[in-house]
Amino acid sequence: MPPHSLVLSFIGACLLWVGWFGFNAGSALASNGLATSAFVATHFAAAAATIGWLGAEWATRGRPSALGAISGAVAGLVAITPASGFVAPMPALVIGLAGGVGCFLMVTFVKGLFGYDDALDAFGVHGAGGTIGALLTGVFAARTVNAVFHDPQGRPLPVGLLDGNASQVGYQLVGIATAWGFALVGTILALKITDLLVGVRATEEQEIEGLDLTEHGEEAYNLEM
């Protein structure tokens, strides 16, 4: 279901893009080189993911779209978040590109293949994008960006796979599996409790009439004279 206002959707994506700098770069808790690195990585990844989504859309649908561009940007912002404080600009481009194409495939093909409900594509973009980014963090994290590991003498040790620490990919997989399990169990419990108390699904009649009217008795646009 397309957004009712593509202009407002585009503005929202631009606000997200700018706000994400405070989220990622601000996590350094200081105005320093690490914050600058995270800022640049965030920007590069979002731009690459936008291009990746548009390219995939163009290849499969024959034309790119503004909605696809902003969806790709959000996918890139999500994907780079686990890695923003640990990777250089060029790996950030790779992560963003992978996030854009991967999330496009999740939203357009995988969701249709399995038929699950994901009205806002939260799982297809945030779930898949976060998973891609977390996994690739274990590949591209570098001690030259953020030396998080040291030997007893205080010398920096390799961080990611390409930096010489292959085991980090395994640690990332454990973290991803833990996050997936926590989210899955928590979501099922929340949905079951909600379903028992007030119900989860709307009826077909309510969907046709619109939930603004059936739930709140009002609508955004009153077209009656």
N, C-alpha and C. Protein backbone atom coordinates (compact mmCIF):
# COMPACT_ATOMS: atom_id res chain seq x y z
N MET A 1 0.85 -1.19 0.00
CA MET A 1 0.00 0.00 0.00
C MET A 1 0.89 1.25 0.00
N PRO A 2 0.85 2.05 -1.05
CA PRO A 2 1.74 3.22 -1.11
C PRO A 2 1.36 4.27 -0.08
N PRO A 3 2.30 5.11 0.30
CA PRO A 3 1.98 6.16 1.27
C PRO A 3 0.99 7.15 0.69
N HIS A 4 0.16 7.73 1.54
CA HIS A 4 -0.84 8.68 1.04
C HIS A 4 -0.21 9.99 0.59
N SER A 5 1.01 10.28 1.08
CA SER A 5 1.71 11.50 0.68
C SER A 5 3.19 11.18 0.53
N LEU A 6 3.63 11.07 -0.70
CA LEU A 6 5.04 10.77 -0.95
C LEU A 6 5.93 11.93 -0.52
N VAL A 7 5.39 13.15 -0.59
CA VAL A 7 6.15 14.33 -0.16
C VAL A 7 6.47 14.24 1.33
N LEU A 8 5.46 13.93 2.14
CA LEU A 8 5.68 13.80 3.58
C LEU A 8 6.61 12.62 3.89
N SER A 9 6.47 11.54 3.14
CA SER A 9 7.36 10.40 3.33
C SER A 9 8.81 10.78 3.03
N PHE A 10 9.01 11.55 1.97
CA PHE A 10 10.36 11.98 1.60
C PHE A 10 10.95 12.90 2.67
N ILE A 11 10.13 13.82 3.16
CA ILE A 11 10.59 14.71 4.23
C ILE A 11 10.96 13.90 5.47
N GLY A 12 10.14 12.91 5.80
CA GLY A 12 10.42 12.07 6.96
C GLY A 12 11.73 11.33 6.82
N ALA A 13 12.01 10.82 5.61
CA ALA A 13 13.27 10.11 5.38
C ALA A 13 14.46 11.06 5.51
N CYS A 14 14.32 12.29 5.02
CA CYS A 14 15.40 13.27 5.16
C CYS A 14 15.65 13.60 6.62
N LEU A 15 14.60 13.70 7.41
CA LEU A 15 14.75 13.96 8.84
C LEU A 15 15.45 12.78 9.52
N LEU A 16 15.10 11.57 9.10
CA LEU A 16 15.76 10.39 9.64
C LEU A 16 17.25 10.39 9.32
N TRP A 17 17.57 10.71 8.07
CA TRP A 17 18.97 10.70 7.63
C TRP A 17 19.80 11.66 8.48
N VAL A 18 19.30 12.86 8.66
CA VAL A 18 20.02 13.85 9.46
C VAL A 18 20.07 13.43 10.93
N GLY A 19 18.94 12.97 11.45
CA GLY A 19 18.90 12.57 12.85
C GLY A 19 19.79 11.40 13.17
N TRP A 20 20.01 10.54 12.17
CA TRP A 20 20.84 9.35 12.39
C TRP A 20 22.29 9.71 12.68
N PHE A 21 22.72 10.87 12.22
CA PHE A 21 24.09 11.31 12.54
C PHE A 21 24.25 11.50 14.04
N GLY A 22 23.23 12.05 14.67
CA GLY A 22 23.29 12.20 16.12
C GLY A 22 23.26 10.86 16.82
N PHE A 23 22.58 9.91 16.22
CA PHE A 23 22.48 8.57 16.80
C PHE A 23 23.82 7.84 16.73
N ASN A 24 24.40 7.80 15.53
CA ASN A 24 25.65 7.04 15.34
C ASN A 24 26.88 7.82 15.78
N ALA A 25 27.06 9.00 15.23
CA ALA A 25 28.24 9.79 15.60
C ALA A 25 28.17 10.22 17.06
N GLY A 26 26.97 10.52 17.53
CA GLY A 26 26.81 10.93 18.92
C GLY A 26 27.11 9.84 19.92
N SER A 27 27.10 8.58 19.47
CA SER A 27 27.41 7.47 20.37
C SER A 27 28.87 7.49 20.83
N ALA A 28 29.71 8.26 20.16
CA ALA A 28 31.10 8.40 20.60
C ALA A 28 31.19 9.20 21.90
N LEU A 29 30.11 9.94 22.20
CA LEU A 29 30.03 10.74 23.43
C LEU A 29 31.12 11.80 23.52
N ALA A 30 31.67 12.18 22.37
CA ALA A 30 32.69 13.22 22.33
C ALA A 30 32.83 13.72 20.90
N SER A 31 33.34 14.92 20.75
CA SER A 31 33.62 15.46 19.42
C SER A 31 35.06 15.11 19.07
N ASN A 32 35.24 13.91 18.52
CA ASN A 32 36.59 13.42 18.27
C ASN A 32 36.65 12.67 16.94
N GLY A 33 37.78 12.05 16.69
CA GLY A 33 37.98 11.34 15.43
C GLY A 33 37.02 10.18 15.23
N LEU A 34 36.67 9.49 16.31
CA LEU A 34 35.75 8.37 16.20
C LEU A 34 34.36 8.84 15.81
N ALA A 35 33.92 9.95 16.37
CA ALA A 35 32.63 10.52 16.00
C ALA A 35 32.62 10.92 14.53
N THR A 36 33.71 11.51 14.07
CA THR A 36 33.82 11.90 12.66
C THR A 36 33.77 10.68 11.75
N SER A 37 34.49 9.62 12.14
CA SER A 37 34.49 8.39 11.35
C SER A 37 33.10 7.78 11.26
N ALA A 38 32.39 7.75 12.39
CA ALA A 38 31.03 7.20 12.40
C ALA A 38 30.10 8.05 11.55
N PHE A 39 30.28 9.37 11.59
CA PHE A 39 29.47 10.29 10.78
C PHE A 39 29.65 9.99 9.30
N VAL A 40 30.90 9.88 8.87
CA VAL A 40 31.20 9.63 7.46
C VAL A 40 30.69 8.26 7.03
N ALA A 41 30.92 7.25 7.85
CA ALA A 41 30.45 5.90 7.53
C ALA A 41 28.94 5.87 7.38
N THR A 42 28.24 6.56 8.26
CA THR A 42 26.78 6.61 8.20
C THR A 42 26.30 7.24 6.90
N HIS A 43 26.92 8.35 6.54
CA HIS A 43 26.51 9.06 5.32
C HIS A 43 26.79 8.23 4.07
N PHE A 44 27.99 7.64 4.01
CA PHE A 44 28.36 6.84 2.85
C PHE A 44 27.44 5.63 2.69
N ALA A 45 27.14 4.97 3.80
CA ALA A 45 26.31 3.77 3.73
C ALA A 45 24.89 4.09 3.28
N ALA A 46 24.33 5.17 3.81
CA ALA A 46 22.97 5.54 3.41
C ALA A 46 22.91 5.88 1.93
N ALA A 47 23.93 6.60 1.42
CA ALA A 47 23.96 6.94 0.01
C ALA A 47 24.12 5.69 -0.86
N ALA A 48 24.99 4.77 -0.44
CA ALA A 48 25.21 3.54 -1.22
C ALA A 48 23.96 2.67 -1.22
N ALA A 49 23.28 2.60 -0.08
CA ALA A 49 22.07 1.79 0.00
C ALA A 49 20.96 2.37 -0.88
N THR A 50 20.89 3.69 -0.96
CA THR A 50 19.91 4.33 -1.85
C THR A 50 20.17 3.92 -3.29
N ILE A 51 21.43 3.97 -3.69
CA ILE A 51 21.78 3.56 -5.06
C ILE A 51 21.51 2.06 -5.26
N GLY A 52 21.84 1.25 -4.25
CA GLY A 52 21.61 -0.18 -4.36
C GLY A 52 20.14 -0.52 -4.53
N TRP A 53 19.29 0.10 -3.72
CA TRP A 53 17.84 -0.17 -3.82
C TRP A 53 17.32 0.29 -5.18
N LEU A 54 17.72 1.49 -5.61
CA LEU A 54 17.25 2.01 -6.90
C LEU A 54 17.72 1.13 -8.06
N GLY A 55 18.96 0.65 -7.98
CA GLY A 55 19.46 -0.23 -9.02
C GLY A 55 18.70 -1.53 -9.09
N ALA A 56 18.40 -2.12 -7.93
CA ALA A 56 17.64 -3.36 -7.90
C ALA A 56 16.22 -3.14 -8.39
N GLU A 57 15.65 -2.00 -8.01
CA GLU A 57 14.30 -1.67 -8.47
C GLU A 57 14.27 -1.45 -9.98
N TRP A 58 15.26 -0.77 -10.48
CA TRP A 58 15.35 -0.51 -11.92
C TRP A 58 15.51 -1.82 -12.70
N ALA A 59 16.32 -2.72 -12.17
CA ALA A 59 16.59 -3.98 -12.86
C ALA A 59 15.36 -4.90 -12.88
N THR A 60 14.55 -4.86 -11.81
CA THR A 60 13.43 -5.79 -11.71
C THR A 60 12.09 -5.20 -12.15
N ARG A 61 11.97 -3.86 -12.05
CA ARG A 61 10.68 -3.23 -12.35
C ARG A 61 10.73 -2.27 -13.53
N GLY A 62 11.93 -2.05 -14.04
CA GLY A 62 12.05 -1.20 -15.22
C GLY A 62 12.18 0.27 -14.93
N ARG A 63 12.02 0.70 -13.68
CA ARG A 63 12.16 2.12 -13.35
C ARG A 63 12.43 2.28 -11.86
N PRO A 64 13.24 3.26 -11.48
CA PRO A 64 13.43 3.57 -10.06
C PRO A 64 12.32 4.48 -9.57
N SER A 65 12.20 4.63 -8.26
CA SER A 65 11.13 5.46 -7.69
C SER A 65 11.65 6.24 -6.50
N ALA A 66 10.98 7.34 -6.20
CA ALA A 66 11.33 8.13 -5.02
C ALA A 66 11.09 7.33 -3.74
N LEU A 67 10.01 6.56 -3.72
CA LEU A 67 9.73 5.73 -2.55
C LEU A 67 10.84 4.70 -2.35
N GLY A 68 11.33 4.14 -3.45
CA GLY A 68 12.43 3.20 -3.36
C GLY A 68 13.70 3.85 -2.85
N ALA A 69 13.95 5.09 -3.27
CA ALA A 69 15.14 5.81 -2.83
C ALA A 69 15.14 6.01 -1.32
N ILE A 70 14.02 6.46 -0.78
CA ILE A 70 13.99 6.71 0.66
C ILE A 70 13.97 5.41 1.45
N SER A 71 13.37 4.37 0.89
CA SER A 71 13.41 3.06 1.55
C SER A 71 14.84 2.54 1.60
N GLY A 72 15.57 2.72 0.51
CA GLY A 72 16.97 2.31 0.49
C GLY A 72 17.81 3.09 1.47
N ALA A 73 17.55 4.39 1.59
CA ALA A 73 18.30 5.22 2.54
C ALA A 73 18.12 4.72 3.96
N VAL A 74 16.88 4.42 4.32
CA VAL A 74 16.61 3.92 5.68
C VAL A 74 17.29 2.56 5.88
N ALA A 75 17.24 1.71 4.85
CA ALA A 75 17.91 0.41 4.95
C ALA A 75 19.40 0.58 5.19
N GLY A 76 20.02 1.54 4.50
CA GLY A 76 21.45 1.78 4.69
C GLY A 76 21.76 2.32 6.08
N LEU A 77 20.92 3.19 6.58
CA LEU A 77 21.12 3.72 7.93
C LEU A 77 21.03 2.62 8.97
N VAL A 78 20.09 1.72 8.77
CA VAL A 78 19.95 0.60 9.70
C VAL A 78 21.17 -0.32 9.62
N ALA A 79 21.58 -0.63 8.39
CA ALA A 79 22.68 -1.59 8.20
C ALA A 79 24.00 -1.08 8.77
N ILE A 80 24.26 0.21 8.65
CA ILE A 80 25.55 0.73 9.08
C ILE A 80 25.60 0.96 10.59
N THR A 81 24.48 1.00 11.25
CA THR A 81 24.47 1.35 12.67
C THR A 81 25.36 0.44 13.53
N PRO A 82 25.31 -0.89 13.39
CA PRO A 82 26.21 -1.71 14.22
C PRO A 82 27.68 -1.48 13.91
N ALA A 83 27.97 -1.06 12.67
CA ALA A 83 29.36 -0.97 12.21
C ALA A 83 29.93 0.44 12.22
N SER A 84 29.10 1.44 12.45
CA SER A 84 29.51 2.83 12.19
C SER A 84 30.75 3.25 12.98
N GLY A 85 30.92 2.73 14.17
CA GLY A 85 32.07 3.10 14.99
C GLY A 85 33.27 2.20 14.81
N PHE A 86 33.23 1.33 13.79
CA PHE A 86 34.30 0.33 13.65
C PHE A 86 34.84 0.19 12.23
N VAL A 87 34.20 0.81 11.24
CA VAL A 87 34.62 0.58 9.85
C VAL A 87 35.01 1.89 9.17
N ALA A 88 35.86 1.77 8.16
CA ALA A 88 36.32 2.90 7.36
C ALA A 88 35.27 3.23 6.28
N PRO A 89 35.43 4.35 5.59
CA PRO A 89 34.43 4.77 4.60
C PRO A 89 34.17 3.76 3.48
N MET A 90 35.21 3.15 2.91
CA MET A 90 34.98 2.23 1.79
C MET A 90 34.18 0.99 2.21
N PRO A 91 34.52 0.32 3.32
CA PRO A 91 33.66 -0.76 3.79
C PRO A 91 32.23 -0.30 4.10
N ALA A 92 32.09 0.95 4.53
CA ALA A 92 30.74 1.47 4.79
C ALA A 92 29.92 1.49 3.50
N LEU A 93 30.58 1.81 2.39
CA LEU A 93 29.88 1.77 1.10
C LEU A 93 29.41 0.36 0.77
N VAL A 94 30.26 -0.63 1.03
CA VAL A 94 29.90 -2.03 0.76
C VAL A 94 28.73 -2.45 1.65
N ILE A 95 28.80 -2.09 2.93
CA ILE A 95 27.71 -2.45 3.84
C ILE A 95 26.40 -1.80 3.42
N GLY A 96 26.47 -0.53 3.04
CA GLY A 96 25.27 0.15 2.58
C GLY A 96 24.69 -0.47 1.33
N LEU A 97 25.56 -0.79 0.37
CA LEU A 97 25.09 -1.40 -0.88
C LEU A 97 24.44 -2.75 -0.60
N ALA A 98 25.07 -3.55 0.25
CA ALA A 98 24.50 -4.86 0.60
C ALA A 98 23.17 -4.69 1.32
N GLY A 99 23.09 -3.69 2.21
CA GLY A 99 21.84 -3.46 2.92
C GLY A 99 20.73 -3.02 2.00
N GLY A 100 21.05 -2.14 1.05
CA GLY A 100 20.02 -1.66 0.12
C GLY A 100 19.46 -2.77 -0.75
N VAL A 101 20.34 -3.56 -1.35
CA VAL A 101 19.89 -4.65 -2.23
C VAL A 101 19.23 -5.75 -1.41
N GLY A 102 19.84 -6.11 -0.27
CA GLY A 102 19.27 -7.17 0.56
C GLY A 102 17.89 -6.84 1.09
N CYS A 103 17.70 -5.62 1.55
CA CYS A 103 16.39 -5.23 2.08
C CYS A 103 15.35 -5.13 0.97
N PHE A 104 15.78 -4.70 -0.23
CA PHE A 104 14.86 -4.68 -1.37
C PHE A 104 14.33 -6.08 -1.66
N LEU A 105 15.23 -7.06 -1.66
CA LEU A 105 14.82 -8.44 -1.92
C LEU A 105 13.90 -8.96 -0.82
N MET A 106 14.17 -8.58 0.43
CA MET A 106 13.31 -9.01 1.54
C MET A 106 11.90 -8.44 1.38
N VAL A 107 11.82 -7.17 1.03
CA VAL A 107 10.52 -6.49 0.95
C VAL A 107 9.72 -6.93 -0.27
N THR A 108 10.38 -7.14 -1.39
CA THR A 108 9.66 -7.40 -2.64
C THR A 108 9.47 -8.87 -2.96
N PHE A 109 10.43 -9.72 -2.55
CA PHE A 109 10.36 -11.13 -2.94
C PHE A 109 10.14 -12.06 -1.75
N VAL A 110 10.95 -11.92 -0.72
CA VAL A 110 10.86 -12.86 0.41
C VAL A 110 9.51 -12.74 1.12
N LYS A 111 9.05 -11.53 1.33
CA LYS A 111 7.75 -11.35 2.00
C LYS A 111 6.62 -11.99 1.20
N GLY A 112 6.65 -11.82 -0.12
CA GLY A 112 5.64 -12.44 -0.96
C GLY A 112 5.77 -13.95 -0.99
N LEU A 113 7.00 -14.44 -0.89
CA LEU A 113 7.24 -15.89 -0.92
C LEU A 113 6.66 -16.57 0.31
N PHE A 114 6.86 -15.97 1.49
CA PHE A 114 6.39 -16.58 2.72
C PHE A 114 5.03 -16.06 3.17
N GLY A 115 4.60 -14.92 2.66
CA GLY A 115 3.27 -14.40 2.94
C GLY A 115 3.05 -13.91 4.36
N TYR A 116 4.10 -13.40 5.02
CA TYR A 116 3.92 -12.92 6.38
C TYR A 116 3.46 -11.45 6.39
N ASP A 117 2.80 -11.06 7.46
CA ASP A 117 2.34 -9.68 7.61
C ASP A 117 3.51 -8.79 8.03
N ASP A 118 3.73 -7.74 7.29
CA ASP A 118 4.76 -6.75 7.64
C ASP A 118 4.38 -5.45 6.95
N ALA A 119 3.31 -4.83 7.45
CA ALA A 119 2.71 -3.69 6.75
C ALA A 119 3.69 -2.55 6.54
N LEU A 120 4.54 -2.27 7.51
CA LEU A 120 5.49 -1.17 7.40
C LEU A 120 6.88 -1.65 6.99
N ASP A 121 6.99 -2.93 6.64
CA ASP A 121 8.28 -3.53 6.26
C ASP A 121 9.34 -3.32 7.34
N ALA A 122 8.91 -3.35 8.58
CA ALA A 122 9.86 -3.20 9.69
C ALA A 122 10.84 -4.37 9.73
N PHE A 123 10.33 -5.57 9.51
CA PHE A 123 11.22 -6.74 9.50
C PHE A 123 12.09 -6.74 8.26
N GLY A 124 11.52 -6.44 7.11
CA GLY A 124 12.26 -6.47 5.86
C GLY A 124 13.38 -5.45 5.81
N VAL A 125 13.18 -4.30 6.44
CA VAL A 125 14.20 -3.25 6.41
C VAL A 125 15.04 -3.26 7.69
N HIS A 126 14.40 -3.18 8.83
CA HIS A 126 15.14 -3.07 10.08
C HIS A 126 15.70 -4.43 10.53
N GLY A 127 14.88 -5.46 10.44
CA GLY A 127 15.36 -6.78 10.83
C GLY A 127 16.46 -7.29 9.92
N ALA A 128 16.18 -7.26 8.61
CA ALA A 128 17.17 -7.74 7.64
C ALA A 128 18.37 -6.80 7.57
N GLY A 129 18.12 -5.50 7.55
CA GLY A 129 19.22 -4.54 7.47
C GLY A 129 20.14 -4.62 8.68
N GLY A 130 19.55 -4.73 9.87
CA GLY A 130 20.36 -4.85 11.08
C GLY A 130 21.17 -6.13 11.09
N THR A 131 20.58 -7.21 10.59
CA THR A 131 21.29 -8.49 10.53
C THR A 131 22.48 -8.41 9.56
N ILE A 132 22.24 -7.84 8.39
CA ILE A 132 23.31 -7.68 7.41
C ILE A 132 24.44 -6.83 7.98
N GLY A 133 24.07 -5.72 8.59
CA GLY A 133 25.07 -4.82 9.14
C GLY A 133 25.85 -5.43 10.28
N ALA A 134 25.16 -6.15 11.16
CA ALA A 134 25.85 -6.79 12.30
C ALA A 134 26.82 -7.85 11.82
N LEU A 135 26.42 -8.62 10.81
CA LEU A 135 27.31 -9.67 10.29
C LEU A 135 28.54 -9.06 9.61
N LEU A 136 28.31 -8.03 8.80
CA LEU A 136 29.42 -7.42 8.08
C LEU A 136 30.33 -6.60 9.00
N THR A 137 29.83 -6.23 10.16
CA THR A 137 30.69 -5.59 11.15
C THR A 137 31.84 -6.52 11.51
N GLY A 138 31.52 -7.80 11.66
CA GLY A 138 32.55 -8.79 11.98
C GLY A 138 33.55 -8.98 10.86
N VAL A 139 33.17 -8.60 9.65
CA VAL A 139 34.07 -8.73 8.50
C VAL A 139 34.97 -7.51 8.36
N PHE A 140 34.40 -6.31 8.50
CA PHE A 140 35.12 -5.09 8.14
C PHE A 140 35.64 -4.28 9.32
N ALA A 141 35.29 -4.60 10.54
CA ALA A 141 35.78 -3.83 11.69
C ALA A 141 37.30 -3.79 11.72
N ALA A 142 37.85 -2.62 11.99
CA ALA A 142 39.30 -2.45 11.89
C ALA A 142 39.86 -1.74 13.12
N ARG A 143 41.02 -2.16 13.56
CA ARG A 143 41.66 -1.53 14.72
C ARG A 143 42.11 -0.11 14.44
N THR A 144 42.36 0.20 13.15
CA THR A 144 42.75 1.57 12.81
C THR A 144 41.62 2.56 13.03
N VAL A 145 40.38 2.06 13.02
CA VAL A 145 39.22 2.92 13.28
C VAL A 145 38.90 2.95 14.76
N ASN A 146 38.85 1.77 15.36
CA ASN A 146 38.49 1.68 16.78
C ASN A 146 39.20 0.47 17.38
N ALA A 147 40.28 0.73 18.09
CA ALA A 147 41.07 -0.36 18.68
C ALA A 147 40.43 -0.83 19.98
N VAL A 148 39.49 -1.75 19.86
CA VAL A 148 38.75 -2.20 21.05
C VAL A 148 39.43 -3.36 21.76
N PHE A 149 40.35 -4.05 21.08
CA PHE A 149 41.05 -5.18 21.69
C PHE A 149 42.54 -4.84 21.81
N HIS A 150 43.14 -5.21 22.95
CA HIS A 150 44.57 -4.95 23.18
C HIS A 150 45.22 -6.17 23.84
N ASP A 151 46.50 -6.34 23.60
CA ASP A 151 47.25 -7.40 24.27
C ASP A 151 47.71 -6.90 25.64
N PRO A 152 48.32 -7.76 26.45
CA PRO A 152 48.74 -7.33 27.79
C PRO A 152 49.68 -6.13 27.79
N GLN A 153 50.38 -5.92 26.69
CA GLN A 153 51.30 -4.79 26.59
C GLN A 153 50.61 -3.51 26.10
N GLY A 154 49.29 -3.61 25.84
CA GLY A 154 48.55 -2.43 25.40
C GLY A 154 48.56 -2.19 23.92
N ARG A 155 49.11 -3.12 23.13
CA ARG A 155 49.14 -2.97 21.69
C ARG A 155 47.80 -3.40 21.09
N PRO A 156 47.28 -2.65 20.10
CA PRO A 156 45.98 -2.99 19.51
C PRO A 156 46.00 -4.32 18.77
N LEU A 157 44.95 -5.09 18.93
CA LEU A 157 44.82 -6.38 18.27
C LEU A 157 43.80 -6.29 17.14
N PRO A 158 43.83 -7.23 16.20
CA PRO A 158 42.86 -7.22 15.10
C PRO A 158 41.42 -7.27 15.62
N VAL A 159 40.53 -6.63 14.88
CA VAL A 159 39.13 -6.56 15.31
C VAL A 159 38.23 -7.44 14.45
N GLY A 160 38.23 -7.22 13.14
CA GLY A 160 37.36 -7.97 12.25
C GLY A 160 38.10 -8.98 11.40
N LEU A 161 37.35 -9.67 10.55
CA LEU A 161 37.91 -10.72 9.70
C LEU A 161 39.04 -10.21 8.81
N LEU A 162 38.80 -9.14 8.09
CA LEU A 162 39.80 -8.61 7.18
C LEU A 162 40.96 -7.95 7.92
N ASP A 163 40.74 -7.68 9.20
CA ASP A 163 41.79 -7.10 10.04
C ASP A 163 42.67 -8.19 10.64
N GLY A 164 42.23 -9.46 10.49
CA GLY A 164 43.02 -10.58 11.01
C GLY A 164 42.38 -11.32 12.16
N ASN A 165 41.12 -11.04 12.46
CA ASN A 165 40.43 -11.70 13.57
C ASN A 165 39.17 -12.39 13.05
N ALA A 166 39.34 -13.59 12.50
CA ALA A 166 38.23 -14.31 11.88
C ALA A 166 37.16 -14.72 12.89
N SER A 167 37.54 -14.90 14.15
CA SER A 167 36.56 -15.34 15.16
C SER A 167 35.48 -14.30 15.42
N GLN A 168 35.74 -13.04 15.06
CA GLN A 168 34.74 -12.01 15.32
C GLN A 168 33.45 -12.26 14.55
N VAL A 169 33.56 -12.86 13.37
CA VAL A 169 32.35 -13.20 12.60
C VAL A 169 31.48 -14.17 13.39
N GLY A 170 32.11 -15.14 14.04
CA GLY A 170 31.36 -16.07 14.87
C GLY A 170 30.69 -15.38 16.04
N TYR A 171 31.40 -14.44 16.66
CA TYR A 171 30.80 -13.69 17.77
C TYR A 171 29.60 -12.88 17.29
N GLN A 172 29.73 -12.32 16.10
CA GLN A 172 28.62 -11.55 15.55
C GLN A 172 27.41 -12.44 15.29
N LEU A 173 27.64 -13.65 14.80
CA LEU A 173 26.55 -14.59 14.55
C LEU A 173 25.84 -14.96 15.86
N VAL A 174 26.62 -15.15 16.92
CA VAL A 174 26.02 -15.44 18.23
C VAL A 174 25.16 -14.26 18.68
N GLY A 175 25.67 -13.05 18.51
CA GLY A 175 24.90 -11.87 18.88
C GLY A 175 23.63 -11.73 18.06
N ILE A 176 23.72 -12.00 16.76
CA ILE A 176 22.55 -11.94 15.89
C ILE A 176 21.50 -12.97 16.31
N ALA A 177 21.94 -14.20 16.56
CA ALA A 177 21.00 -15.25 16.98
C ALA A 177 20.33 -14.90 18.30
N THR A 178 21.09 -14.31 19.23
CA THR A 178 20.52 -13.91 20.51
C THR A 178 19.47 -12.82 20.32
N ALA A 179 19.78 -11.83 19.49
CA ALA A 179 18.84 -10.75 19.23
C ALA A 179 17.58 -11.27 18.54
N TRP A 180 17.75 -12.16 17.57
CA TRP A 180 16.60 -12.75 16.88
C TRP A 180 15.72 -13.53 17.86
N GLY A 181 16.35 -14.33 18.71
CA GLY A 181 15.59 -15.11 19.67
C GLY A 181 14.83 -14.24 20.65
N PHE A 182 15.49 -13.22 21.17
CA PHE A 182 14.84 -12.29 22.11
C PHE A 182 13.67 -11.59 21.44
N ALA A 183 13.88 -11.10 20.22
CA ALA A 183 12.82 -10.39 19.50
C ALA A 183 11.65 -11.32 19.16
N LEU A 184 11.97 -12.55 18.75
CA LEU A 184 10.93 -13.50 18.37
C LEU A 184 10.06 -13.88 19.56
N VAL A 185 10.69 -14.26 20.65
CA VAL A 185 9.93 -14.66 21.85
C VAL A 185 9.15 -13.47 22.40
N GLY A 186 9.80 -12.31 22.47
CA GLY A 186 9.12 -11.13 22.99
C GLY A 186 7.93 -10.72 22.15
N THR A 187 8.08 -10.80 20.82
CA THR A 187 6.99 -10.43 19.92
C THR A 187 5.82 -11.39 20.06
N ILE A 188 6.10 -12.69 20.11
CA ILE A 188 5.03 -13.68 20.25
C ILE A 188 4.27 -13.46 21.55
N LEU A 189 4.99 -13.23 22.64
CA LEU A 189 4.32 -12.99 23.93
C LEU A 189 3.47 -11.73 23.88
N ALA A 190 4.02 -10.65 23.32
CA ALA A 190 3.27 -9.40 23.25
C ALA A 190 2.02 -9.55 22.40
N LEU A 191 2.15 -10.25 21.27
CA LEU A 191 0.99 -10.44 20.40
C LEU A 191 -0.07 -11.32 21.05
N LYS A 192 0.36 -12.37 21.73
CA LYS A 192 -0.60 -13.26 22.39
C LYS A 192 -1.37 -12.53 23.48
N ILE A 193 -0.66 -11.76 24.28
CA ILE A 193 -1.32 -11.00 25.35
C ILE A 193 -2.28 -9.97 24.76
N THR A 194 -1.83 -9.26 23.73
CA THR A 194 -2.68 -8.26 23.08
C THR A 194 -3.91 -8.90 22.47
N ASP A 195 -3.72 -10.07 21.84
CA ASP A 195 -4.83 -10.77 21.21
C ASP A 195 -5.87 -11.20 22.24
N LEU A 196 -5.41 -11.63 23.41
CA LEU A 196 -6.34 -12.04 24.47
C LEU A 196 -7.12 -10.85 25.04
N LEU A 197 -6.46 -9.70 25.11
CA LEU A 197 -7.09 -8.54 25.74
C LEU A 197 -7.99 -7.76 24.78
N VAL A 198 -7.47 -7.39 23.63
CA VAL A 198 -8.25 -6.53 22.72
C VAL A 198 -8.32 -7.05 21.29
N GLY A 199 -7.56 -8.11 20.99
CA GLY A 199 -7.52 -8.63 19.62
C GLY A 199 -6.45 -7.93 18.81
N VAL A 200 -5.88 -8.65 17.86
CA VAL A 200 -4.79 -8.11 17.05
C VAL A 200 -5.27 -7.73 15.65
N ARG A 201 -6.04 -8.61 15.02
CA ARG A 201 -6.41 -8.38 13.63
C ARG A 201 -7.69 -7.57 13.53
N ALA A 202 -7.71 -6.70 12.53
CA ALA A 202 -8.93 -5.98 12.19
C ALA A 202 -9.74 -6.82 11.21
N THR A 203 -11.05 -6.64 11.20
CA THR A 203 -11.88 -7.36 10.24
C THR A 203 -11.71 -6.74 8.86
N GLU A 204 -12.13 -7.48 7.84
CA GLU A 204 -12.03 -6.96 6.48
C GLU A 204 -12.87 -5.70 6.31
N GLU A 205 -14.05 -5.69 6.96
CA GLU A 205 -14.91 -4.51 6.88
C GLU A 205 -14.24 -3.28 7.49
N GLN A 206 -13.56 -3.49 8.63
CA GLN A 206 -12.84 -2.37 9.26
C GLN A 206 -11.71 -1.87 8.39
N GLU A 207 -11.00 -2.79 7.73
CA GLU A 207 -9.91 -2.38 6.86
C GLU A 207 -10.42 -1.57 5.68
N ILE A 208 -11.57 -1.97 5.12
CA ILE A 208 -12.14 -1.25 3.98
C ILE A 208 -12.61 0.13 4.41
N GLU A 209 -13.27 0.22 5.56
CA GLU A 209 -13.76 1.51 6.04
C GLU A 209 -12.61 2.41 6.49
N GLY A 210 -11.57 1.80 7.01
CA GLY A 210 -10.42 2.56 7.49
C GLY A 210 -10.36 2.58 9.00
N LEU A 211 -9.20 2.25 9.56
CA LEU A 211 -9.07 2.15 11.02
C LEU A 211 -9.17 3.49 11.71
N ASP A 212 -8.87 4.58 11.00
CA ASP A 212 -9.05 5.90 11.63
C ASP A 212 -10.51 6.10 12.02
N LEU A 213 -11.40 5.65 11.15
CA LEU A 213 -12.84 5.80 11.43
C LEU A 213 -13.32 4.77 12.44
N THR A 214 -12.96 3.51 12.25
CA THR A 214 -13.49 2.47 13.12
C THR A 214 -12.90 2.52 14.52
N GLU A 215 -11.65 2.95 14.66
CA GLU A 215 -11.01 2.98 15.97
C GLU A 215 -11.11 4.34 16.65
N HIS A 216 -11.09 5.43 15.86
CA HIS A 216 -11.01 6.76 16.45
C HIS A 216 -12.18 7.67 16.08
N GLY A 217 -12.98 7.26 15.09
CA GLY A 217 -14.13 8.08 14.71
C GLY A 217 -13.74 9.33 13.97
N GLU A 218 -12.58 9.36 13.34
CA GLU A 218 -12.16 10.52 12.58
C GLU A 218 -11.24 10.07 11.46
N GLU A 219 -11.02 10.95 10.49
CA GLU A 219 -10.13 10.64 9.38
C GLU A 219 -9.32 11.87 9.00
N ALA A 220 -8.21 11.64 8.33
CA ALA A 220 -7.30 12.74 8.02
C ALA A 220 -7.91 13.69 6.99
N TYR A 221 -8.67 13.18 6.04
CA TYR A 221 -9.21 13.99 4.96
C TYR A 221 -10.72 13.83 4.92
N ASN A 222 -11.43 14.90 5.18
CA ASN A 222 -12.90 14.90 5.10
C ASN A 222 -13.28 15.46 3.75
N LEU A 223 -13.68 14.58 2.82
CA LEU A 223 -14.00 14.99 1.46
C LEU A 223 -15.48 15.26 1.27
N GLU A 224 -16.29 15.12 2.33
CA GLU A 224 -17.72 15.37 2.20
C GLU A 224 -18.00 16.86 2.22
N MET A 225 -18.90 17.31 1.37
CA MET A 225 -19.28 18.73 1.30
C MET A 225 -20.46 19.00 2.25
